[in-house]
N, C-alpha and C. Protein backbone atom coordinates (compact mmCIF):
# COMPACT_ATOMS: atom_id res chain seq x y z
N MET A 1 39.75 -22.12 -13.18
CA MET A 1 40.17 -23.45 -13.36
C MET A 1 39.36 -24.21 -14.35
N ASP A 2 39.96 -24.72 -15.45
CA ASP A 2 39.26 -25.43 -16.34
C ASP A 2 39.56 -26.95 -16.31
N ILE A 3 38.57 -27.81 -15.68
CA ILE A 3 38.92 -29.33 -15.90
C ILE A 3 37.84 -29.84 -16.96
N GLU A 4 38.75 -30.60 -17.74
CA GLU A 4 38.01 -31.26 -18.74
C GLU A 4 38.14 -32.57 -18.83
N ASN A 5 36.69 -33.44 -19.03
CA ASN A 5 36.90 -34.75 -18.98
C ASN A 5 36.85 -35.30 -20.22
N GLU A 6 37.58 -36.52 -20.76
CA GLU A 6 37.47 -37.05 -21.84
C GLU A 6 37.36 -38.82 -21.47
N CYS A 7 36.07 -38.78 -21.95
CA CYS A 7 35.23 -40.32 -21.36
C CYS A 7 35.37 -41.32 -22.64
N ALA A 8 35.47 -42.37 -22.27
CA ALA A 8 35.13 -43.47 -23.32
C ALA A 8 36.07 -43.79 -24.33
N LYS A 9 37.31 -43.35 -24.10
CA LYS A 9 38.23 -43.49 -25.56
C LYS A 9 38.42 -44.97 -25.79
N THR A 10 38.72 -45.24 -27.00
CA THR A 10 38.90 -46.57 -27.43
C THR A 10 40.24 -46.86 -27.88
N PHE A 11 40.95 -47.84 -27.16
CA PHE A 11 42.29 -48.03 -27.63
C PHE A 11 42.50 -49.56 -28.12
N ASP A 12 43.09 -49.54 -29.52
CA ASP A 12 43.29 -50.76 -30.28
C ASP A 12 44.65 -51.40 -29.77
N LEU A 13 44.34 -52.50 -29.20
CA LEU A 13 45.75 -53.19 -28.74
C LEU A 13 46.13 -54.16 -29.68
N GLY A 14 45.82 -54.09 -30.78
CA GLY A 14 46.21 -54.87 -31.94
C GLY A 14 45.76 -55.90 -32.46
N PRO A 15 46.24 -56.88 -33.38
CA PRO A 15 45.41 -57.99 -33.92
C PRO A 15 45.15 -59.06 -33.12
N GLY A 16 44.01 -59.53 -32.97
CA GLY A 16 43.57 -60.33 -32.08
C GLY A 16 43.54 -60.39 -30.66
N ARG A 17 43.33 -58.83 -30.28
CA ARG A 17 43.09 -58.46 -28.99
C ARG A 17 42.02 -57.50 -29.29
N GLN A 18 40.93 -57.89 -28.05
CA GLN A 18 39.89 -57.01 -27.90
C GLN A 18 40.20 -55.41 -27.42
N SER A 19 39.64 -54.55 -28.37
CA SER A 19 39.84 -53.19 -27.95
C SER A 19 39.30 -52.76 -26.59
N GLN A 20 39.87 -51.77 -25.92
CA GLN A 20 39.44 -51.46 -24.50
C GLN A 20 38.77 -50.18 -24.73
N ARG A 21 37.87 -49.94 -23.96
CA ARG A 21 37.31 -48.55 -23.57
C ARG A 21 37.59 -48.06 -22.25
N VAL A 22 38.15 -46.90 -21.89
CA VAL A 22 38.60 -46.41 -20.73
C VAL A 22 38.03 -44.98 -20.59
N GLU A 23 38.25 -44.68 -19.34
CA GLU A 23 37.77 -43.13 -19.15
C GLU A 23 38.94 -42.44 -18.48
N GLU A 24 39.17 -41.21 -19.05
CA GLU A 24 40.70 -40.54 -18.67
C GLU A 24 39.92 -39.17 -18.33
N THR A 25 40.76 -38.44 -17.42
CA THR A 25 40.39 -37.04 -17.16
C THR A 25 41.68 -36.40 -17.24
N SER A 26 41.45 -35.23 -18.18
CA SER A 26 42.52 -34.31 -18.45
C SER A 26 42.27 -33.06 -17.68
N ILE A 27 43.31 -32.41 -17.00
CA ILE A 27 42.86 -31.13 -16.11
C ILE A 27 44.03 -30.06 -16.64
N ARG A 28 43.25 -29.15 -16.97
CA ARG A 28 44.06 -27.62 -17.39
C ARG A 28 43.87 -26.61 -16.68
N PHE A 29 44.80 -26.10 -16.16
CA PHE A 29 44.41 -24.88 -15.35
C PHE A 29 45.06 -23.52 -16.09
N GLU A 30 44.13 -22.65 -15.93
CA GLU A 30 44.09 -21.40 -16.74
C GLU A 30 44.15 -20.28 -15.60
N GLY A 31 44.70 -19.13 -16.09
CA GLY A 31 44.68 -18.11 -15.02
C GLY A 31 45.82 -17.82 -13.95
N ASN A 32 45.60 -16.67 -13.24
CA ASN A 32 46.51 -16.48 -12.13
C ASN A 32 45.94 -17.01 -10.69
N PHE A 33 46.09 -17.92 -10.12
CA PHE A 33 45.51 -18.63 -9.01
C PHE A 33 46.04 -17.58 -7.83
N ASP A 34 47.00 -16.85 -7.94
CA ASP A 34 47.67 -15.87 -6.97
C ASP A 34 47.24 -14.66 -6.84
N ALA A 35 46.17 -14.40 -7.78
CA ALA A 35 45.67 -13.12 -7.98
C ALA A 35 44.51 -12.82 -7.01
N SER A 36 43.92 -13.66 -5.99
CA SER A 36 43.03 -13.41 -5.11
C SER A 36 43.08 -14.61 -4.22
N LEU A 37 42.48 -14.09 -3.03
CA LEU A 37 42.37 -15.21 -1.90
C LEU A 37 41.54 -16.39 -2.47
N TYR A 38 40.55 -16.18 -3.22
CA TYR A 38 39.66 -17.35 -3.72
C TYR A 38 40.37 -18.23 -4.52
N GLY A 39 41.21 -17.66 -5.31
CA GLY A 39 42.08 -18.53 -6.22
C GLY A 39 43.04 -19.39 -5.47
N VAL A 40 43.91 -18.66 -4.67
CA VAL A 40 44.72 -19.62 -3.41
C VAL A 40 43.98 -20.60 -3.05
N ALA A 41 42.68 -20.16 -2.35
CA ALA A 41 42.05 -21.45 -1.48
C ALA A 41 41.54 -22.35 -2.47
N LEU A 42 41.13 -21.96 -3.72
CA LEU A 42 40.60 -23.09 -4.61
C LEU A 42 41.68 -24.06 -5.27
N ARG A 43 42.95 -23.34 -5.27
CA ARG A 43 43.96 -24.42 -5.90
C ARG A 43 44.32 -25.37 -4.59
N HIS A 44 44.29 -24.75 -3.25
CA HIS A 44 44.75 -25.56 -2.36
C HIS A 44 43.78 -26.66 -2.07
N ALA A 45 42.36 -26.30 -2.04
CA ALA A 45 41.48 -27.19 -1.83
C ALA A 45 41.35 -28.39 -3.08
N PHE A 46 41.69 -28.05 -4.21
CA PHE A 46 41.66 -28.79 -5.16
C PHE A 46 42.84 -30.03 -4.88
N PHE A 47 43.94 -29.40 -4.71
CA PHE A 47 45.17 -30.59 -4.84
C PHE A 47 44.81 -31.19 -3.23
N GLN A 48 44.26 -31.01 -2.16
CA GLN A 48 43.97 -31.46 -1.25
C GLN A 48 43.04 -32.83 -1.65
N ALA A 49 41.96 -32.48 -2.51
CA ALA A 49 40.89 -33.34 -2.76
C ALA A 49 41.68 -34.70 -3.76
N TRP A 50 42.71 -34.17 -4.47
CA TRP A 50 43.32 -35.12 -5.20
C TRP A 50 44.34 -36.13 -4.36
N ARG A 51 44.60 -35.74 -3.28
CA ARG A 51 45.40 -36.34 -2.36
C ARG A 51 44.64 -37.12 -1.49
N LEU A 52 43.24 -37.05 -1.75
CA LEU A 52 42.21 -37.56 -0.74
C LEU A 52 42.33 -37.09 0.70
N ASP A 53 42.54 -35.98 0.67
CA ASP A 53 42.92 -35.19 1.84
C ASP A 53 41.36 -34.69 2.23
N SER A 54 40.59 -35.40 3.31
CA SER A 54 39.21 -34.91 3.60
C SER A 54 38.90 -35.16 4.69
N LYS A 55 38.00 -34.42 5.42
CA LYS A 55 37.41 -34.77 6.97
C LYS A 55 35.88 -35.15 6.70
N LEU A 56 35.42 -35.46 5.44
CA LEU A 56 34.06 -36.03 5.31
C LEU A 56 33.95 -37.07 5.68
N PRO A 57 32.92 -37.35 6.72
CA PRO A 57 32.51 -38.85 7.18
C PRO A 57 32.23 -39.75 5.94
N LEU A 58 31.96 -41.08 6.24
CA LEU A 58 31.69 -41.77 5.29
C LEU A 58 30.08 -41.63 4.82
N TRP A 59 29.17 -41.31 5.64
CA TRP A 59 27.84 -41.22 5.20
C TRP A 59 27.78 -40.07 4.06
N ILE A 60 28.47 -39.00 4.07
CA ILE A 60 28.50 -38.09 3.17
C ILE A 60 29.16 -38.69 1.94
N ARG A 61 30.49 -39.16 2.07
CA ARG A 61 31.32 -39.64 0.97
C ARG A 61 30.21 -40.78 0.08
N GLN A 62 29.34 -41.44 0.78
CA GLN A 62 28.69 -42.68 -0.03
C GLN A 62 27.27 -42.26 -0.29
N MET A 63 26.83 -40.98 0.18
CA MET A 63 25.49 -40.52 -0.12
C MET A 63 25.29 -40.57 -1.72
N GLU A 64 23.97 -40.97 -1.88
CA GLU A 64 23.53 -40.96 -3.44
C GLU A 64 23.53 -39.57 -3.55
N GLY A 65 23.73 -39.20 -4.84
CA GLY A 65 23.74 -37.78 -5.41
C GLY A 65 24.41 -37.72 -6.64
N GLY A 66 24.46 -36.39 -7.34
CA GLY A 66 25.07 -36.35 -8.53
C GLY A 66 26.41 -35.73 -8.42
N SER A 67 27.10 -35.83 -7.20
CA SER A 67 28.43 -35.18 -7.34
C SER A 67 29.31 -36.13 -6.88
N GLY A 68 30.69 -36.39 -7.64
CA GLY A 68 31.56 -37.44 -7.27
C GLY A 68 32.31 -37.14 -5.86
N ARG A 69 32.99 -38.24 -5.64
CA ARG A 69 33.61 -38.08 -4.29
C ARG A 69 34.69 -36.96 -4.16
N LYS A 70 35.50 -36.86 -5.19
CA LYS A 70 36.54 -35.88 -5.21
C LYS A 70 36.14 -34.53 -5.38
N TYR A 71 34.94 -34.03 -5.89
CA TYR A 71 34.12 -32.93 -6.09
C TYR A 71 33.62 -32.63 -4.35
N ARG A 72 33.21 -33.57 -3.87
CA ARG A 72 32.78 -33.41 -2.51
C ARG A 72 33.71 -33.11 -1.36
N TYR A 73 35.28 -33.86 -1.75
CA TYR A 73 36.25 -33.29 -1.10
C TYR A 73 36.69 -31.87 -1.14
N LEU A 74 36.59 -31.52 -2.49
CA LEU A 74 37.06 -30.23 -3.04
C LEU A 74 36.42 -29.25 -2.33
N VAL A 75 34.95 -29.22 -2.32
CA VAL A 75 34.10 -27.95 -1.70
C VAL A 75 34.11 -28.02 -0.38
N ASN A 76 34.18 -29.15 0.37
CA ASN A 76 34.60 -29.23 1.89
C ASN A 76 35.69 -28.45 2.23
N ASN A 77 36.87 -28.84 1.42
CA ASN A 77 38.18 -28.20 1.70
C ASN A 77 37.98 -26.61 1.36
N LEU A 78 37.40 -26.34 0.47
CA LEU A 78 37.23 -25.00 -0.03
C LEU A 78 36.67 -24.04 0.97
N PHE A 79 35.67 -24.63 1.61
CA PHE A 79 34.84 -23.83 2.52
C PHE A 79 35.54 -23.94 3.81
N GLU A 80 36.41 -24.81 4.11
CA GLU A 80 37.30 -24.80 5.15
C GLU A 80 38.20 -23.62 5.16
N GLN A 81 38.63 -23.43 3.91
CA GLN A 81 39.62 -22.33 3.50
C GLN A 81 38.99 -20.92 3.68
N LEU A 82 37.80 -20.98 3.13
CA LEU A 82 37.09 -19.57 3.10
C LEU A 82 35.95 -19.51 4.22
N SER A 83 36.35 -19.74 5.44
CA SER A 83 35.58 -19.82 6.68
C SER A 83 34.49 -18.50 6.78
N GLY A 84 33.24 -18.82 6.84
CA GLY A 84 32.43 -17.75 7.05
C GLY A 84 31.61 -17.25 5.57
N SER A 85 32.30 -17.85 4.52
CA SER A 85 31.47 -17.89 3.28
C SER A 85 29.77 -17.78 3.05
N ARG A 86 29.54 -17.08 2.25
CA ARG A 86 28.21 -17.07 1.98
C ARG A 86 27.98 -17.81 0.52
N TYR A 87 27.29 -19.06 0.49
CA TYR A 87 27.14 -19.88 -0.41
C TYR A 87 25.63 -19.86 -1.08
N LEU A 88 25.68 -19.77 -2.44
CA LEU A 88 24.44 -19.92 -3.14
C LEU A 88 24.54 -21.21 -4.06
N GLU A 89 23.33 -22.10 -3.79
CA GLU A 89 23.13 -23.41 -4.68
C GLU A 89 21.96 -23.24 -5.31
N ILE A 90 21.90 -23.51 -6.57
CA ILE A 90 20.65 -23.47 -7.49
C ILE A 90 20.75 -25.03 -8.04
N GLY A 91 19.64 -25.90 -7.38
CA GLY A 91 19.55 -27.24 -7.66
C GLY A 91 20.47 -28.14 -6.62
N SER A 92 19.72 -28.66 -5.58
CA SER A 92 20.37 -29.17 -4.69
C SER A 92 20.09 -30.75 -4.58
N TYR A 93 19.10 -31.20 -5.39
CA TYR A 93 18.69 -32.73 -5.51
C TYR A 93 18.75 -33.38 -3.85
N LYS A 94 19.46 -34.31 -3.84
CA LYS A 94 19.38 -35.11 -2.33
C LYS A 94 20.38 -34.43 -1.41
N GLY A 95 21.15 -33.58 -1.79
CA GLY A 95 21.83 -32.61 -0.86
C GLY A 95 23.42 -33.03 -0.55
N SER A 96 24.05 -33.84 -1.55
CA SER A 96 25.12 -34.27 -1.48
C SER A 96 26.17 -33.17 -1.80
N THR A 97 25.95 -32.17 -2.58
CA THR A 97 26.83 -31.03 -2.56
C THR A 97 26.86 -30.28 -1.24
N LEU A 98 25.78 -29.66 -0.85
CA LEU A 98 25.28 -29.17 0.39
C LEU A 98 25.94 -29.48 1.55
N CYS A 99 25.90 -31.02 1.74
CA CYS A 99 26.40 -31.52 2.95
C CYS A 99 27.80 -31.52 2.93
N SER A 100 28.36 -31.75 1.59
CA SER A 100 29.70 -31.65 1.62
C SER A 100 30.40 -30.36 1.94
N ALA A 101 29.82 -29.26 1.45
CA ALA A 101 30.37 -27.82 1.71
C ALA A 101 29.96 -27.37 3.03
N GLY A 102 29.09 -28.09 3.57
CA GLY A 102 28.77 -27.42 4.97
C GLY A 102 29.20 -28.42 6.12
N PHE A 103 29.85 -29.66 5.77
CA PHE A 103 30.19 -30.61 7.09
C PHE A 103 31.26 -29.73 7.84
N GLY A 104 31.27 -29.39 9.05
CA GLY A 104 32.35 -29.25 9.69
C GLY A 104 32.83 -27.65 9.64
N ASN A 105 31.90 -27.02 8.48
CA ASN A 105 32.72 -25.62 8.49
C ASN A 105 31.64 -24.51 8.82
N ILE A 106 32.17 -23.39 8.85
CA ILE A 106 31.43 -22.15 9.26
C ILE A 106 30.83 -21.58 7.94
N LEU A 107 29.61 -21.75 7.69
CA LEU A 107 29.10 -21.60 6.31
C LEU A 107 27.44 -21.02 6.42
N GLN A 108 27.20 -19.88 5.69
CA GLN A 108 25.79 -19.46 5.27
C GLN A 108 25.52 -19.85 4.03
N ALA A 109 24.44 -20.77 3.88
CA ALA A 109 24.12 -21.64 2.47
C ALA A 109 22.75 -21.21 2.31
N THR A 110 22.42 -20.92 0.87
CA THR A 110 20.99 -20.89 0.62
C THR A 110 20.93 -21.83 -0.54
N CYS A 111 19.82 -22.78 -0.56
CA CYS A 111 19.78 -23.60 -1.59
C CYS A 111 18.22 -23.30 -2.02
N VAL A 112 18.33 -23.52 -3.60
CA VAL A 112 17.20 -23.24 -4.37
C VAL A 112 16.98 -24.44 -5.21
N ASP A 113 15.62 -25.02 -4.74
CA ASP A 113 15.14 -26.01 -5.75
C ASP A 113 13.69 -26.27 -5.78
N HIS A 114 13.01 -26.90 -6.62
CA HIS A 114 11.70 -27.13 -6.41
C HIS A 114 11.39 -28.53 -6.61
N TRP A 115 12.48 -29.62 -6.74
CA TRP A 115 12.53 -30.95 -6.86
C TRP A 115 11.15 -31.56 -7.63
N GLN A 116 10.83 -30.82 -8.63
CA GLN A 116 9.98 -31.37 -9.69
C GLN A 116 10.47 -32.15 -10.78
N GLU A 117 11.85 -32.01 -10.97
CA GLU A 117 12.24 -32.61 -12.13
C GLU A 117 12.99 -34.25 -11.88
N PHE A 118 13.53 -34.20 -10.57
CA PHE A 118 14.19 -35.42 -10.41
C PHE A 118 13.95 -35.88 -9.01
N GLY A 119 12.83 -35.17 -8.21
CA GLY A 119 12.67 -35.47 -6.90
C GLY A 119 13.92 -35.30 -5.91
N GLY A 120 13.86 -35.97 -4.97
CA GLY A 120 14.99 -36.06 -3.87
C GLY A 120 14.55 -35.10 -2.77
N LYS A 121 13.52 -34.47 -2.51
CA LYS A 121 13.11 -33.50 -1.65
C LYS A 121 13.43 -34.36 -0.15
N LYS A 122 12.62 -35.65 -0.14
CA LYS A 122 12.54 -36.15 1.21
C LYS A 122 13.96 -36.62 1.59
N GLU A 123 14.94 -36.97 0.74
CA GLU A 123 16.26 -37.41 1.01
C GLU A 123 17.04 -35.92 1.40
N PHE A 124 16.94 -34.83 0.75
CA PHE A 124 17.48 -33.61 1.27
C PHE A 124 17.26 -33.21 2.48
N GLU A 125 16.12 -33.33 2.81
CA GLU A 125 15.49 -32.95 4.45
C GLU A 125 16.18 -34.02 5.23
N GLU A 126 16.17 -35.18 5.10
CA GLU A 126 16.77 -36.07 6.19
C GLU A 126 18.35 -35.90 6.11
N HIS A 127 18.93 -35.52 5.00
CA HIS A 127 20.46 -35.37 4.81
C HIS A 127 20.87 -34.15 5.69
N THR A 128 19.81 -32.95 5.26
CA THR A 128 20.53 -31.84 6.14
C THR A 128 20.06 -31.71 7.56
N ASN A 129 18.90 -32.44 7.92
CA ASN A 129 18.53 -32.43 9.44
C ASN A 129 19.76 -33.24 10.10
N ARG A 130 20.42 -34.20 9.28
CA ARG A 130 21.61 -34.92 10.24
C ARG A 130 22.69 -34.01 10.04
N LEU A 131 22.90 -33.32 9.02
CA LEU A 131 23.89 -32.47 8.93
C LEU A 131 23.96 -31.48 10.09
N SER A 132 22.79 -30.85 10.24
CA SER A 132 22.71 -29.83 11.27
C SER A 132 23.13 -30.25 12.60
N LYS A 133 23.04 -31.68 12.78
CA LYS A 133 23.34 -32.12 14.39
C LYS A 133 24.77 -32.15 14.56
N VAL A 134 25.53 -32.19 13.57
CA VAL A 134 27.03 -32.45 13.49
C VAL A 134 27.75 -30.98 12.89
N SER A 135 27.23 -30.10 12.44
CA SER A 135 27.84 -28.86 11.87
C SER A 135 27.19 -27.74 12.26
N PRO A 136 27.63 -27.26 13.85
CA PRO A 136 26.72 -25.95 14.11
C PRO A 136 27.00 -24.84 13.48
N GLY A 137 28.15 -24.81 12.87
CA GLY A 137 28.66 -23.60 12.19
C GLY A 137 27.81 -23.44 10.72
N LEU A 138 27.02 -24.23 10.46
CA LEU A 138 26.15 -23.89 9.00
C LEU A 138 24.63 -23.30 9.30
N ASN A 139 24.51 -22.43 8.57
CA ASN A 139 23.47 -21.56 8.83
C ASN A 139 22.61 -21.79 7.40
N LEU A 140 21.53 -22.63 7.32
CA LEU A 140 20.90 -22.86 6.09
C LEU A 140 19.65 -22.40 5.79
N THR A 141 19.53 -21.78 4.82
CA THR A 141 18.19 -21.37 4.14
C THR A 141 17.83 -22.24 2.82
N VAL A 142 16.24 -22.40 2.74
CA VAL A 142 16.14 -23.34 1.59
C VAL A 142 15.03 -22.63 1.06
N ILE A 143 15.14 -22.45 -0.27
CA ILE A 143 13.85 -21.72 -1.16
C ILE A 143 13.46 -22.65 -1.89
N GLU A 144 12.14 -23.02 -1.66
CA GLU A 144 11.55 -24.20 -2.75
C GLU A 144 10.79 -23.37 -3.83
N SER A 145 11.67 -23.28 -4.90
CA SER A 145 11.15 -22.36 -6.06
C SER A 145 11.94 -22.72 -7.19
N ASP A 146 11.17 -22.27 -8.38
CA ASP A 146 12.00 -22.28 -9.69
C ASP A 146 12.86 -21.30 -9.48
N PHE A 147 14.13 -21.25 -9.82
CA PHE A 147 14.90 -20.27 -9.76
C PHE A 147 14.57 -18.99 -10.53
N ARG A 148 13.83 -19.21 -11.59
CA ARG A 148 13.44 -17.95 -12.23
C ARG A 148 12.57 -17.20 -11.66
N THR A 149 11.74 -17.55 -10.77
CA THR A 149 10.71 -16.93 -9.97
C THR A 149 11.24 -15.92 -8.78
N ILE A 150 12.58 -16.15 -8.64
CA ILE A 150 13.21 -15.22 -7.25
C ILE A 150 13.53 -14.08 -7.46
N ASP A 151 13.49 -13.33 -6.81
CA ASP A 151 14.08 -11.89 -6.73
C ASP A 151 15.44 -11.98 -6.06
N PHE A 152 16.43 -12.14 -6.82
CA PHE A 152 17.80 -12.42 -6.32
C PHE A 152 18.47 -11.09 -5.73
N ALA A 153 17.85 -9.90 -5.95
CA ALA A 153 18.26 -8.74 -5.21
C ALA A 153 17.73 -8.62 -3.82
N LYS A 154 17.04 -9.61 -3.29
CA LYS A 154 16.45 -9.61 -1.96
C LYS A 154 16.95 -10.76 -1.16
N ILE A 155 17.95 -11.69 -1.60
CA ILE A 155 18.07 -12.78 -0.91
C ILE A 155 19.63 -12.63 -0.17
N GLY A 156 20.32 -11.49 -0.38
CA GLY A 156 21.53 -11.32 0.33
C GLY A 156 22.70 -11.29 -0.76
N LYS A 157 23.69 -11.28 -0.38
CA LYS A 157 25.09 -11.29 -1.23
C LYS A 157 25.96 -12.73 -1.01
N PHE A 158 26.43 -13.39 -2.02
CA PHE A 158 27.15 -14.49 -2.12
C PHE A 158 28.35 -14.48 -2.71
N ASP A 159 29.28 -15.06 -2.01
CA ASP A 159 30.81 -15.07 -2.87
C ASP A 159 31.05 -16.60 -3.28
N VAL A 160 30.34 -17.52 -3.33
CA VAL A 160 30.57 -18.73 -3.96
C VAL A 160 29.10 -19.19 -4.47
N PHE A 161 29.05 -19.34 -5.75
CA PHE A 161 27.79 -19.71 -6.37
C PHE A 161 27.82 -21.22 -7.28
N CYS A 162 27.08 -21.94 -6.86
CA CYS A 162 27.30 -23.36 -7.71
C CYS A 162 25.74 -23.28 -8.31
N PHE A 163 25.78 -23.39 -9.80
CA PHE A 163 24.48 -24.01 -10.48
C PHE A 163 24.51 -25.11 -10.95
N ASP A 164 23.52 -26.04 -10.51
CA ASP A 164 23.59 -27.20 -10.95
C ASP A 164 21.83 -27.52 -11.03
N GLY A 165 21.23 -26.54 -11.87
CA GLY A 165 19.94 -26.68 -12.45
C GLY A 165 19.67 -27.48 -13.48
N PRO A 166 18.85 -27.14 -14.40
CA PRO A 166 18.56 -27.74 -15.50
C PRO A 166 19.37 -27.45 -16.64
N HIS A 167 19.73 -28.25 -17.52
CA HIS A 167 21.01 -28.22 -18.37
C HIS A 167 20.70 -27.64 -19.76
N ALA A 168 19.66 -27.26 -20.07
CA ALA A 168 19.64 -26.54 -21.73
C ALA A 168 20.09 -25.31 -21.72
N GLU A 169 20.71 -25.01 -22.91
CA GLU A 169 21.66 -23.79 -23.11
C GLU A 169 21.07 -22.62 -22.31
N ILE A 170 19.75 -22.31 -22.45
CA ILE A 170 19.17 -21.12 -21.82
C ILE A 170 19.04 -21.28 -20.47
N ASP A 171 18.95 -22.46 -19.65
CA ASP A 171 18.97 -22.32 -18.42
C ASP A 171 20.30 -22.00 -17.70
N HIS A 172 21.48 -22.28 -18.46
CA HIS A 172 22.55 -21.93 -17.71
C HIS A 172 22.77 -20.64 -17.99
N TYR A 173 22.42 -19.87 -19.02
CA TYR A 173 22.51 -18.57 -19.26
C TYR A 173 21.73 -17.69 -18.24
N ASP A 174 20.31 -18.13 -18.04
CA ASP A 174 19.56 -17.39 -17.22
C ASP A 174 19.92 -17.59 -15.78
N GLY A 175 20.60 -19.00 -15.39
CA GLY A 175 21.04 -19.17 -14.17
C GLY A 175 22.32 -18.08 -13.58
N LEU A 176 22.93 -17.70 -14.42
CA LEU A 176 23.98 -16.73 -14.11
C LEU A 176 23.46 -15.15 -14.11
N VAL A 177 22.87 -15.00 -15.26
CA VAL A 177 22.51 -13.56 -15.43
C VAL A 177 21.41 -13.11 -14.23
N LEU A 178 20.40 -14.05 -14.13
CA LEU A 178 19.50 -13.56 -13.05
C LEU A 178 20.02 -13.62 -11.58
N ALA A 179 20.94 -14.46 -11.36
CA ALA A 179 21.74 -14.46 -10.09
C ALA A 179 22.66 -13.31 -9.86
N VAL A 180 23.00 -12.59 -10.72
CA VAL A 180 24.03 -11.51 -10.74
C VAL A 180 23.77 -10.73 -9.60
N PRO A 181 22.71 -9.98 -9.42
CA PRO A 181 22.37 -9.30 -8.06
C PRO A 181 22.81 -9.88 -6.72
N ALA A 182 22.74 -10.96 -6.74
CA ALA A 182 22.95 -11.76 -5.33
C ALA A 182 24.34 -12.22 -5.30
N LEU A 183 25.31 -11.77 -6.10
CA LEU A 183 26.66 -12.03 -6.24
C LEU A 183 27.58 -10.79 -5.82
N GLU A 184 28.64 -11.03 -5.11
CA GLU A 184 29.44 -10.24 -4.61
C GLU A 184 30.39 -9.77 -6.12
N GLN A 185 31.11 -8.80 -5.95
CA GLN A 185 31.88 -8.39 -7.10
C GLN A 185 32.88 -9.39 -7.56
N GLU A 186 33.57 -10.15 -6.30
CA GLU A 186 34.33 -11.26 -6.88
C GLU A 186 33.73 -12.42 -6.13
N PHE A 187 33.63 -13.54 -6.86
CA PHE A 187 33.06 -14.40 -6.26
C PHE A 187 33.59 -15.98 -7.13
N VAL A 188 33.31 -17.09 -6.65
CA VAL A 188 33.58 -18.37 -7.11
C VAL A 188 32.37 -18.81 -7.76
N LEU A 189 32.66 -19.21 -8.92
CA LEU A 189 31.41 -19.91 -9.64
C LEU A 189 31.74 -21.43 -10.06
N ILE A 190 30.93 -21.96 -9.56
CA ILE A 190 30.85 -23.62 -9.74
C ILE A 190 29.76 -24.06 -10.61
N VAL A 191 29.98 -24.57 -11.97
CA VAL A 191 28.94 -24.93 -12.89
C VAL A 191 29.14 -26.31 -13.20
N ASP A 192 27.91 -27.26 -12.98
CA ASP A 192 27.82 -28.67 -12.89
C ASP A 192 27.68 -28.88 -14.56
N ASP A 193 28.33 -30.12 -15.04
CA ASP A 193 28.27 -30.41 -16.33
C ASP A 193 29.07 -29.34 -17.29
N TRP A 194 30.18 -28.92 -16.88
CA TRP A 194 31.08 -27.99 -17.66
C TRP A 194 31.30 -28.52 -19.06
N ASN A 195 31.68 -29.95 -18.97
CA ASN A 195 32.07 -30.58 -20.18
C ASN A 195 31.00 -30.98 -21.10
N MET A 196 29.96 -30.36 -21.10
CA MET A 196 28.75 -30.17 -22.19
C MET A 196 28.95 -29.03 -22.82
N ALA A 197 28.92 -29.04 -24.23
CA ALA A 197 28.98 -28.16 -25.19
C ALA A 197 28.18 -26.97 -24.65
N SER A 198 27.04 -27.30 -24.70
CA SER A 198 25.84 -26.19 -24.65
C SER A 198 26.10 -25.56 -23.38
N VAL A 199 26.58 -26.18 -22.32
CA VAL A 199 26.80 -25.45 -20.94
C VAL A 199 28.03 -24.15 -21.32
N GLN A 200 29.12 -24.74 -22.04
CA GLN A 200 30.23 -23.80 -22.30
C GLN A 200 29.68 -22.60 -23.20
N VAL A 201 28.93 -22.88 -24.15
CA VAL A 201 28.06 -21.88 -25.12
C VAL A 201 27.27 -20.72 -24.17
N SER A 202 26.49 -21.32 -23.59
CA SER A 202 25.54 -20.58 -22.61
C SER A 202 26.36 -19.72 -21.85
N LEU A 203 27.35 -20.04 -21.02
CA LEU A 203 28.15 -19.21 -20.26
C LEU A 203 28.95 -18.08 -20.75
N SER A 204 29.50 -18.71 -22.00
CA SER A 204 30.36 -17.67 -22.63
C SER A 204 29.63 -16.52 -23.09
N GLY A 205 28.24 -16.81 -23.58
CA GLY A 205 27.42 -15.76 -24.04
C GLY A 205 26.99 -14.83 -22.83
N SER A 206 26.91 -15.37 -21.38
CA SER A 206 26.60 -14.61 -20.44
C SER A 206 27.56 -13.62 -19.72
């Protein structure tokens, strides 16, 4: 699935009227979602999110972080569909994505972050401690490290991978290539800031 954001377009309303800048989102679907259980689950979770159909509590919906509310709904719904999945996340910040993924679901999650670029470790620990009390089906492992120093062949296999690390072109390339030994033959790839040209270029090269 390819979701394309078109932001801050200017509309000319005619003489004597101030132009308006608005944000728009265009959505483009590509591929056969019925070809795998992952595709079916992702499509279902996506449309649930757009209907605002979510079991997330207010404290996760309103949590400060880099992920939007509809994305939080989507990942929570996705892991409800893919019960028992193994989730690898590079770049966790304050934990909004991890808490959204894990709330009320059966999930094995491994988070990788060193919290040196934007901070957020204290909040991550507070949020995940709260999450663990209400989501007994979550089994969480945290690796505090730069992702480039990890031996991905030794951390298990994952069927959903979210990369939200540094955003230079080489970072996204390394993020996917280095993680390959930890990924199942078929997996869901979630990439932050896909609308950035450098991200698309780096992943097309990997």
